[in-house]
Amino acid sequence: MPINLNKEQTNVGNVVFAWGVNEYEKHERPKRWYVIAGLLGAALLLYSVISGNYLFALMVVLFGIILFLQDVQAPMEVDVAITSAGIIVGSKFYPFSEFRNYWIIYNPPEVKNLYFSTNSLVKHRLQIPLLENDPRPVREFLNQFIVEDLEQEQEPLSDRLGRMFKIN
């Protein structure tokens, strides 16, 4: 479990790397995207009402509200730091013991991400954009504490689909 730094005094170690990232990626969406998304949402909503699946209808509406809110609000800047004891993302501290392994997907300019596989069932993966940071010193440092998963050569399918459909 990550440790909330606002509530607990925790030794987070010495900061080795630090940068800021956006809370989520803000996409430039053309009008055509909104028309297609609206039609798809209306079709899913109609189907869920006809089939009597009101929970699915609620999920479709909530998904639409989330997309709307992401579109009208600017993402918050979140500070990221890699320390000698773990990873800090915003106000959460993840000790290295929380992670099973990590991998880096570096295919500029589209993908420059650092992924951590966690021991948690709820949040099984932590993704941190590297932005303009060089992945080599980050990799060298992390290899001291966590095993690198060299079999991961592509970003997860959910991330690829989210970027392709501009919904993440």
N, C-alpha and C. Protein backbone atom coordinates (compact mmCIF):
# COMPACT_ATOMS: atom_id res chain seq x y z
N MET A 1 0.84 -1.18 0.00
CA MET A 1 0.00 0.00 0.00
C MET A 1 0.88 1.24 0.00
N PRO A 2 0.54 2.21 -0.85
CA PRO A 2 1.31 3.45 -0.82
C PRO A 2 1.07 4.20 0.49
N ILE A 3 2.04 4.96 0.88
CA ILE A 3 1.97 5.74 2.12
C ILE A 3 1.61 7.17 1.76
N ASN A 4 0.61 7.71 2.43
CA ASN A 4 0.19 9.10 2.20
C ASN A 4 1.15 10.02 2.94
N LEU A 5 1.91 10.80 2.21
CA LEU A 5 2.93 11.66 2.81
C LEU A 5 2.33 12.84 3.58
N ASN A 6 1.09 13.19 3.29
CA ASN A 6 0.46 14.31 4.00
C ASN A 6 0.10 13.94 5.43
N LYS A 7 -0.12 12.65 5.70
CA LYS A 7 -0.60 12.23 7.01
C LYS A 7 0.47 11.58 7.87
N GLU A 8 1.49 11.01 7.25
CA GLU A 8 2.48 10.26 8.02
C GLU A 8 3.88 10.82 7.78
N GLN A 9 4.69 10.76 8.81
CA GLN A 9 6.10 11.10 8.69
C GLN A 9 6.81 9.83 8.23
N THR A 10 7.39 9.88 7.07
CA THR A 10 8.04 8.71 6.50
C THR A 10 9.40 9.10 5.96
N ASN A 11 10.37 8.23 6.17
CA ASN A 11 11.68 8.45 5.59
C ASN A 11 11.61 8.00 4.14
N VAL A 12 11.62 8.96 3.22
CA VAL A 12 11.50 8.64 1.80
C VAL A 12 12.87 8.54 1.12
N GLY A 13 13.93 8.74 1.86
CA GLY A 13 15.27 8.65 1.29
C GLY A 13 15.66 9.92 0.57
N ASN A 14 16.80 9.87 -0.08
CA ASN A 14 17.31 11.02 -0.83
C ASN A 14 16.76 11.01 -2.24
N VAL A 15 16.32 12.16 -2.71
CA VAL A 15 15.78 12.28 -4.06
C VAL A 15 16.92 12.19 -5.06
N VAL A 16 16.80 11.27 -6.00
CA VAL A 16 17.82 11.08 -7.04
C VAL A 16 17.36 11.68 -8.36
N PHE A 17 16.09 11.44 -8.72
CA PHE A 17 15.50 12.00 -9.94
C PHE A 17 14.18 12.65 -9.55
N ALA A 18 13.86 13.77 -10.15
CA ALA A 18 12.58 14.44 -9.88
C ALA A 18 12.14 15.20 -11.12
N TRP A 19 10.83 15.16 -11.39
CA TRP A 19 10.24 15.91 -12.48
C TRP A 19 8.74 16.01 -12.25
N GLY A 20 8.08 16.80 -13.03
CA GLY A 20 6.64 16.96 -12.93
C GLY A 20 5.94 16.40 -14.16
N VAL A 21 4.79 15.79 -13.95
CA VAL A 21 3.99 15.24 -15.05
C VAL A 21 2.56 15.71 -14.90
N ASN A 22 1.83 15.69 -15.99
CA ASN A 22 0.41 15.99 -15.93
C ASN A 22 -0.34 14.79 -15.37
N GLU A 23 -1.42 15.07 -14.68
CA GLU A 23 -2.25 14.03 -14.06
C GLU A 23 -2.74 13.04 -15.12
N TYR A 24 -3.08 13.54 -16.29
CA TYR A 24 -3.49 12.71 -17.42
C TYR A 24 -3.13 13.46 -18.70
N GLU A 25 -3.11 12.72 -19.79
CA GLU A 25 -2.76 13.32 -21.07
C GLU A 25 -3.98 14.01 -21.66
N LYS A 26 -3.84 15.28 -21.99
CA LYS A 26 -4.95 16.03 -22.59
C LYS A 26 -4.82 15.95 -24.10
N HIS A 27 -5.83 15.38 -24.73
CA HIS A 27 -5.81 15.17 -26.18
C HIS A 27 -6.52 16.30 -26.91
N GLU A 28 -6.02 16.60 -28.09
CA GLU A 28 -6.72 17.50 -29.01
C GLU A 28 -7.64 16.63 -29.84
N ARG A 29 -8.93 16.81 -29.64
CA ARG A 29 -9.91 15.96 -30.33
C ARG A 29 -10.66 16.79 -31.37
N PRO A 30 -10.74 16.27 -32.61
CA PRO A 30 -11.52 16.99 -33.63
C PRO A 30 -13.03 16.83 -33.38
N LYS A 31 -13.82 17.64 -34.05
CA LYS A 31 -15.28 17.57 -33.88
C LYS A 31 -15.82 16.20 -34.26
N ARG A 32 -15.19 15.58 -35.24
CA ARG A 32 -15.62 14.25 -35.67
C ARG A 32 -15.54 13.25 -34.51
N TRP A 33 -14.51 13.38 -33.66
CA TRP A 33 -14.36 12.48 -32.52
C TRP A 33 -15.57 12.61 -31.58
N TYR A 34 -16.00 13.85 -31.33
CA TYR A 34 -17.13 14.08 -30.44
C TYR A 34 -18.43 13.52 -31.03
N VAL A 35 -18.61 13.66 -32.33
CA VAL A 35 -19.81 13.12 -32.98
C VAL A 35 -19.83 11.60 -32.87
N ILE A 36 -18.71 10.96 -33.17
CA ILE A 36 -18.64 9.50 -33.09
C ILE A 36 -18.82 9.03 -31.65
N ALA A 37 -18.15 9.68 -30.70
CA ALA A 37 -18.27 9.30 -29.29
C ALA A 37 -19.70 9.50 -28.80
N GLY A 38 -20.34 10.61 -29.20
CA GLY A 38 -21.73 10.86 -28.80
C GLY A 38 -22.68 9.81 -29.36
N LEU A 39 -22.51 9.47 -30.64
CA LEU A 39 -23.36 8.45 -31.25
C LEU A 39 -23.14 7.08 -30.61
N LEU A 40 -21.89 6.74 -30.35
CA LEU A 40 -21.59 5.46 -29.70
C LEU A 40 -22.16 5.43 -28.29
N GLY A 41 -22.00 6.52 -27.55
CA GLY A 41 -22.56 6.59 -26.20
C GLY A 41 -24.07 6.49 -26.20
N ALA A 42 -24.73 7.18 -27.13
CA ALA A 42 -26.19 7.11 -27.23
C ALA A 42 -26.64 5.71 -27.59
N ALA A 43 -25.92 5.05 -28.51
CA ALA A 43 -26.27 3.68 -28.89
C ALA A 43 -26.11 2.72 -27.70
N LEU A 44 -25.03 2.85 -26.96
CA LEU A 44 -24.82 2.00 -25.79
C LEU A 44 -25.87 2.27 -24.71
N LEU A 45 -26.22 3.53 -24.55
CA LEU A 45 -27.25 3.89 -23.57
C LEU A 45 -28.61 3.33 -23.98
N LEU A 46 -28.94 3.44 -25.25
CA LEU A 46 -30.20 2.89 -25.75
C LEU A 46 -30.23 1.38 -25.58
N TYR A 47 -29.14 0.71 -25.93
CA TYR A 47 -29.07 -0.75 -25.77
C TYR A 47 -29.23 -1.15 -24.31
N SER A 48 -28.59 -0.43 -23.41
CA SER A 48 -28.66 -0.80 -21.99
C SER A 48 -30.07 -0.61 -21.44
N VAL A 49 -30.78 0.42 -21.89
CA VAL A 49 -32.15 0.63 -21.43
C VAL A 49 -33.08 -0.43 -22.01
N ILE A 50 -32.93 -0.74 -23.30
CA ILE A 50 -33.77 -1.77 -23.93
C ILE A 50 -33.55 -3.13 -23.29
N SER A 51 -32.29 -3.45 -22.97
CA SER A 51 -32.00 -4.75 -22.37
C SER A 51 -32.26 -4.78 -20.87
N GLY A 52 -32.60 -3.63 -20.30
CA GLY A 52 -32.89 -3.57 -18.87
C GLY A 52 -31.65 -3.59 -18.00
N ASN A 53 -30.51 -3.31 -18.56
CA ASN A 53 -29.26 -3.32 -17.81
C ASN A 53 -28.95 -1.89 -17.38
N TYR A 54 -29.59 -1.47 -16.29
CA TYR A 54 -29.48 -0.09 -15.84
C TYR A 54 -28.12 0.23 -15.22
N LEU A 55 -27.46 -0.77 -14.69
CA LEU A 55 -26.12 -0.54 -14.17
C LEU A 55 -25.16 -0.17 -15.30
N PHE A 56 -25.31 -0.85 -16.44
CA PHE A 56 -24.48 -0.51 -17.60
C PHE A 56 -24.82 0.89 -18.08
N ALA A 57 -26.10 1.26 -18.06
CA ALA A 57 -26.50 2.62 -18.46
C ALA A 57 -25.83 3.65 -17.55
N LEU A 58 -25.80 3.38 -16.26
CA LEU A 58 -25.14 4.28 -15.31
C LEU A 58 -23.65 4.39 -15.62
N MET A 59 -23.01 3.27 -15.96
CA MET A 59 -21.58 3.28 -16.29
C MET A 59 -21.32 4.10 -17.55
N VAL A 60 -22.18 3.99 -18.55
CA VAL A 60 -22.02 4.76 -19.79
C VAL A 60 -22.14 6.25 -19.49
N VAL A 61 -23.13 6.63 -18.68
CA VAL A 61 -23.31 8.03 -18.32
C VAL A 61 -22.10 8.55 -17.54
N LEU A 62 -21.62 7.77 -16.57
CA LEU A 62 -20.45 8.18 -15.78
C LEU A 62 -19.22 8.31 -16.66
N PHE A 63 -19.04 7.41 -17.60
CA PHE A 63 -17.90 7.49 -18.52
C PHE A 63 -17.98 8.78 -19.34
N GLY A 64 -19.18 9.13 -19.80
CA GLY A 64 -19.37 10.38 -20.54
C GLY A 64 -19.05 11.59 -19.69
N ILE A 65 -19.47 11.57 -18.42
CA ILE A 65 -19.19 12.70 -17.52
C ILE A 65 -17.68 12.84 -17.29
N ILE A 66 -17.00 11.72 -17.11
CA ILE A 66 -15.55 11.76 -16.90
C ILE A 66 -14.84 12.34 -18.13
N LEU A 67 -15.24 11.89 -19.32
CA LEU A 67 -14.63 12.43 -20.54
C LEU A 67 -14.91 13.93 -20.68
N PHE A 68 -16.12 14.34 -20.34
CA PHE A 68 -16.46 15.76 -20.40
C PHE A 68 -15.60 16.57 -19.43
N LEU A 69 -15.49 16.09 -18.19
CA LEU A 69 -14.70 16.81 -17.20
C LEU A 69 -13.23 16.88 -17.58
N GLN A 70 -12.70 15.79 -18.15
CA GLN A 70 -11.31 15.82 -18.60
C GLN A 70 -11.11 16.83 -19.72
N ASP A 71 -12.14 17.02 -20.53
CA ASP A 71 -12.02 17.92 -21.66
C ASP A 71 -12.08 19.38 -21.25
N VAL A 72 -12.88 19.70 -20.22
CA VAL A 72 -13.04 21.11 -19.85
C VAL A 72 -12.05 21.56 -18.77
N GLN A 73 -11.43 20.62 -18.07
CA GLN A 73 -10.48 20.99 -17.03
C GLN A 73 -9.06 20.69 -17.48
N ALA A 74 -8.15 21.54 -17.10
CA ALA A 74 -6.74 21.28 -17.38
C ALA A 74 -6.21 20.27 -16.36
N PRO A 75 -5.36 19.35 -16.79
CA PRO A 75 -4.81 18.38 -15.84
C PRO A 75 -3.89 19.05 -14.83
N MET A 76 -3.92 18.54 -13.61
CA MET A 76 -3.05 19.07 -12.56
C MET A 76 -1.62 18.57 -12.77
N GLU A 77 -0.67 19.38 -12.34
CA GLU A 77 0.74 18.98 -12.36
C GLU A 77 1.03 18.14 -11.12
N VAL A 78 1.60 16.96 -11.33
CA VAL A 78 1.92 16.05 -10.24
C VAL A 78 3.44 15.89 -10.20
N ASP A 79 4.02 16.06 -9.02
CA ASP A 79 5.46 15.88 -8.86
C ASP A 79 5.79 14.40 -8.73
N VAL A 80 6.83 13.97 -9.43
CA VAL A 80 7.31 12.60 -9.38
C VAL A 80 8.77 12.63 -8.93
N ALA A 81 9.13 11.71 -8.05
CA ALA A 81 10.52 11.63 -7.60
C ALA A 81 10.89 10.17 -7.40
N ILE A 82 12.08 9.85 -7.81
CA ILE A 82 12.65 8.53 -7.53
C ILE A 82 13.70 8.76 -6.45
N THR A 83 13.52 8.10 -5.33
CA THR A 83 14.42 8.30 -4.19
C THR A 83 15.19 7.02 -3.91
N SER A 84 16.05 7.10 -2.94
CA SER A 84 16.84 5.92 -2.57
C SER A 84 16.00 4.88 -1.82
N ALA A 85 14.74 5.21 -1.49
CA ALA A 85 13.88 4.28 -0.76
C ALA A 85 12.63 3.89 -1.53
N GLY A 86 12.32 4.61 -2.61
CA GLY A 86 11.11 4.29 -3.35
C GLY A 86 10.74 5.36 -4.34
N ILE A 87 9.46 5.39 -4.69
CA ILE A 87 8.93 6.30 -5.70
C ILE A 87 7.89 7.20 -5.05
N ILE A 88 7.97 8.50 -5.33
CA ILE A 88 6.97 9.45 -4.86
C ILE A 88 6.19 9.94 -6.08
N VAL A 89 4.87 9.80 -6.00
CA VAL A 89 3.98 10.32 -7.04
C VAL A 89 2.95 11.20 -6.34
N GLY A 90 3.08 12.51 -6.54
CA GLY A 90 2.19 13.43 -5.84
C GLY A 90 2.45 13.35 -4.34
N SER A 91 1.41 12.99 -3.58
CA SER A 91 1.55 12.88 -2.13
C SER A 91 1.63 11.42 -1.68
N LYS A 92 1.83 10.51 -2.61
CA LYS A 92 1.93 9.08 -2.28
C LYS A 92 3.37 8.60 -2.42
N PHE A 93 3.78 7.81 -1.45
CA PHE A 93 5.12 7.22 -1.47
C PHE A 93 4.98 5.71 -1.60
N TYR A 94 5.64 5.16 -2.60
CA TYR A 94 5.65 3.72 -2.84
C TYR A 94 7.04 3.19 -2.53
N PRO A 95 7.22 2.46 -1.43
CA PRO A 95 8.54 1.87 -1.16
C PRO A 95 8.86 0.82 -2.23
N PHE A 96 10.14 0.60 -2.47
CA PHE A 96 10.54 -0.38 -3.48
C PHE A 96 9.98 -1.77 -3.20
N SER A 97 9.69 -2.07 -1.95
CA SER A 97 9.14 -3.39 -1.61
C SER A 97 7.73 -3.58 -2.16
N GLU A 98 7.07 -2.50 -2.58
CA GLU A 98 5.72 -2.58 -3.17
C GLU A 98 5.75 -3.13 -4.59
N PHE A 99 6.91 -3.12 -5.22
CA PHE A 99 7.00 -3.45 -6.64
C PHE A 99 7.61 -4.83 -6.86
N ARG A 100 7.03 -5.56 -7.82
CA ARG A 100 7.60 -6.84 -8.22
C ARG A 100 8.71 -6.62 -9.25
N ASN A 101 8.44 -5.73 -10.22
CA ASN A 101 9.43 -5.44 -11.24
C ASN A 101 9.07 -4.12 -11.92
N TYR A 102 9.88 -3.72 -12.86
CA TYR A 102 9.62 -2.51 -13.63
C TYR A 102 10.09 -2.73 -15.05
N TRP A 103 9.62 -1.87 -15.95
CA TRP A 103 10.11 -1.88 -17.31
C TRP A 103 9.94 -0.48 -17.90
N ILE A 104 10.74 -0.21 -18.90
CA ILE A 104 10.71 1.09 -19.58
C ILE A 104 10.35 0.85 -21.02
N ILE A 105 9.35 1.58 -21.49
CA ILE A 105 9.00 1.59 -22.90
C ILE A 105 9.39 2.97 -23.42
N TYR A 106 10.36 2.98 -24.31
CA TYR A 106 10.90 4.23 -24.81
C TYR A 106 10.92 4.20 -26.32
N ASN A 107 9.84 4.71 -26.91
CA ASN A 107 9.69 4.83 -28.36
C ASN A 107 9.29 6.26 -28.69
N PRO A 108 10.23 7.20 -28.62
CA PRO A 108 9.87 8.60 -28.85
C PRO A 108 9.35 8.81 -30.27
N PRO A 109 8.49 9.75 -30.50
CA PRO A 109 7.95 10.71 -29.55
C PRO A 109 6.66 10.25 -28.87
N GLU A 110 6.07 9.13 -29.32
CA GLU A 110 4.77 8.72 -28.77
C GLU A 110 4.85 8.21 -27.34
N VAL A 111 5.79 7.30 -27.08
CA VAL A 111 5.79 6.61 -25.79
C VAL A 111 7.15 6.76 -25.11
N LYS A 112 7.13 7.30 -23.91
CA LYS A 112 8.32 7.41 -23.07
C LYS A 112 7.86 7.21 -21.64
N ASN A 113 7.60 5.94 -21.27
CA ASN A 113 6.98 5.65 -19.98
C ASN A 113 7.80 4.66 -19.16
N LEU A 114 7.66 4.82 -17.86
CA LEU A 114 8.25 3.94 -16.87
C LEU A 114 7.08 3.22 -16.19
N TYR A 115 7.11 1.89 -16.18
CA TYR A 115 6.03 1.09 -15.61
C TYR A 115 6.56 0.29 -14.42
N PHE A 116 5.73 0.21 -13.38
CA PHE A 116 6.04 -0.60 -12.22
C PHE A 116 4.90 -1.58 -12.01
N SER A 117 5.24 -2.84 -11.84
CA SER A 117 4.25 -3.86 -11.50
C SER A 117 4.20 -3.96 -9.99
N THR A 118 3.01 -3.69 -9.41
CA THR A 118 2.89 -3.65 -7.96
C THR A 118 2.38 -4.98 -7.41
N ASN A 119 2.47 -5.13 -6.11
CA ASN A 119 1.95 -6.31 -5.43
C ASN A 119 0.48 -6.18 -5.10
N SER A 120 -0.12 -5.03 -5.37
CA SER A 120 -1.51 -4.76 -5.02
C SER A 120 -2.46 -5.38 -6.04
N LEU A 121 -3.58 -5.89 -5.55
CA LEU A 121 -4.60 -6.43 -6.45
C LEU A 121 -5.43 -5.31 -7.06
N VAL A 122 -5.55 -4.20 -6.35
CA VAL A 122 -6.39 -3.10 -6.81
C VAL A 122 -5.67 -2.29 -7.89
N LYS A 123 -4.47 -1.86 -7.63
CA LYS A 123 -3.69 -1.09 -8.59
C LYS A 123 -2.46 -1.91 -8.94
N HIS A 124 -2.59 -2.70 -9.98
CA HIS A 124 -1.53 -3.66 -10.30
C HIS A 124 -0.38 -3.07 -11.11
N ARG A 125 -0.58 -1.84 -11.64
CA ARG A 125 0.47 -1.24 -12.46
C ARG A 125 0.51 0.26 -12.22
N LEU A 126 1.70 0.78 -12.08
CA LEU A 126 1.91 2.21 -11.92
C LEU A 126 2.68 2.69 -13.15
N GLN A 127 2.12 3.69 -13.83
CA GLN A 127 2.75 4.23 -15.03
C GLN A 127 3.20 5.65 -14.75
N ILE A 128 4.45 5.95 -15.11
CA ILE A 128 5.00 7.30 -14.92
C ILE A 128 5.63 7.74 -16.25
N PRO A 129 5.13 8.82 -16.84
CA PRO A 129 5.75 9.33 -18.05
C PRO A 129 7.16 9.85 -17.76
N LEU A 130 8.11 9.48 -18.60
CA LEU A 130 9.48 9.95 -18.43
C LEU A 130 9.70 11.34 -19.01
N LEU A 131 8.82 11.75 -19.91
CA LEU A 131 8.92 13.04 -20.59
C LEU A 131 10.28 13.19 -21.25
N GLU A 132 11.06 14.18 -20.87
CA GLU A 132 12.36 14.42 -21.51
C GLU A 132 13.52 13.79 -20.75
N ASN A 133 13.25 13.00 -19.74
CA ASN A 133 14.32 12.37 -18.96
C ASN A 133 14.96 11.23 -19.75
N ASP A 134 16.24 11.11 -19.63
CA ASP A 134 16.98 10.03 -20.26
C ASP A 134 16.72 8.75 -19.47
N PRO A 135 16.25 7.68 -20.12
CA PRO A 135 15.91 6.47 -19.38
C PRO A 135 17.13 5.68 -18.89
N ARG A 136 18.29 5.90 -19.46
CA ARG A 136 19.46 5.10 -19.08
C ARG A 136 19.89 5.29 -17.63
N PRO A 137 20.06 6.53 -17.12
CA PRO A 137 20.43 6.66 -15.71
C PRO A 137 19.32 6.19 -14.77
N VAL A 138 18.05 6.38 -15.19
CA VAL A 138 16.93 5.89 -14.37
C VAL A 138 17.00 4.38 -14.26
N ARG A 139 17.24 3.72 -15.39
CA ARG A 139 17.35 2.25 -15.41
C ARG A 139 18.51 1.78 -14.53
N GLU A 140 19.66 2.42 -14.67
CA GLU A 140 20.82 2.02 -13.87
C GLU A 140 20.54 2.15 -12.37
N PHE A 141 19.85 3.22 -11.99
CA PHE A 141 19.54 3.41 -10.58
C PHE A 141 18.53 2.38 -10.09
N LEU A 142 17.45 2.19 -10.86
CA LEU A 142 16.39 1.27 -10.41
C LEU A 142 16.87 -0.18 -10.35
N ASN A 143 17.82 -0.55 -11.20
CA ASN A 143 18.31 -1.93 -11.19
C ASN A 143 18.97 -2.30 -9.87
N GLN A 144 19.34 -1.33 -9.06
CA GLN A 144 19.91 -1.61 -7.74
C GLN A 144 18.85 -2.13 -6.77
N PHE A 145 17.57 -1.82 -7.03
CA PHE A 145 16.52 -2.10 -6.06
C PHE A 145 15.42 -3.03 -6.58
N ILE A 146 15.15 -3.00 -7.88
CA ILE A 146 14.03 -3.73 -8.46
C ILE A 146 14.52 -4.48 -9.69
N VAL A 147 13.90 -5.62 -9.94
CA VAL A 147 14.22 -6.42 -11.13
C VAL A 147 13.57 -5.79 -12.35
N GLU A 148 14.33 -5.65 -13.41
CA GLU A 148 13.78 -5.12 -14.66
C GLU A 148 13.19 -6.26 -15.47
N ASP A 149 11.97 -6.07 -15.96
CA ASP A 149 11.30 -7.06 -16.81
C ASP A 149 11.69 -6.78 -18.25
N LEU A 150 12.67 -7.52 -18.75
CA LEU A 150 13.18 -7.29 -20.10
C LEU A 150 12.29 -7.90 -21.18
N GLU A 151 11.29 -8.69 -20.78
CA GLU A 151 10.38 -9.29 -21.75
C GLU A 151 9.32 -8.30 -22.23
N GLN A 152 9.08 -7.26 -21.46
CA GLN A 152 8.10 -6.24 -21.85
C GLN A 152 8.73 -5.35 -22.91
N GLU A 153 8.22 -5.45 -24.14
CA GLU A 153 8.77 -4.65 -25.22
C GLU A 153 7.79 -3.64 -25.78
N GLN A 154 6.52 -3.76 -25.38
CA GLN A 154 5.50 -2.82 -25.83
C GLN A 154 4.72 -2.33 -24.64
N GLU A 155 4.12 -1.15 -24.80
CA GLU A 155 3.29 -0.64 -23.72
C GLU A 155 2.04 -1.52 -23.61
N PRO A 156 1.40 -1.53 -22.46
CA PRO A 156 0.20 -2.35 -22.29
C PRO A 156 -0.89 -1.97 -23.29
N LEU A 157 -1.70 -2.95 -23.65
CA LEU A 157 -2.76 -2.75 -24.63
C LEU A 157 -3.72 -1.65 -24.20
N SER A 158 -4.03 -1.58 -22.93
CA SER A 158 -4.95 -0.54 -22.45
C SER A 158 -4.40 0.86 -22.72
N ASP A 159 -3.10 1.04 -22.57
CA ASP A 159 -2.49 2.34 -22.84
C ASP A 159 -2.50 2.66 -24.34
N ARG A 160 -2.21 1.64 -25.16
CA ARG A 160 -2.22 1.85 -26.62
C ARG A 160 -3.62 2.21 -27.10
N LEU A 161 -4.63 1.47 -26.61
CA LEU A 161 -6.01 1.76 -27.03
C LEU A 161 -6.46 3.13 -26.54
N GLY A 162 -6.09 3.49 -25.31
CA GLY A 162 -6.45 4.79 -24.78
C GLY A 162 -5.85 5.92 -25.60
N ARG A 163 -4.61 5.75 -26.03
CA ARG A 163 -3.96 6.78 -26.85
C ARG A 163 -4.59 6.82 -28.25
N MET A 164 -4.89 5.64 -28.80
CA MET A 164 -5.46 5.56 -30.14
C MET A 164 -6.85 6.21 -30.20
N PHE A 165 -7.69 5.92 -29.19
CA PHE A 165 -9.04 6.46 -29.15
C PHE A 165 -9.13 7.80 -28.41
N LYS A 166 -8.00 8.27 -27.90
CA LYS A 166 -7.90 9.55 -27.20
C LYS A 166 -8.83 9.62 -26.01
N ILE A 167 -8.78 8.59 -25.17
CA ILE A 167 -9.65 8.58 -24.00
C ILE A 167 -8.89 8.47 -22.69
N ASN A 168 -7.56 8.35 -22.70
CA ASN A 168 -6.86 8.24 -21.42
C ASN A 168 -6.28 9.55 -20.98
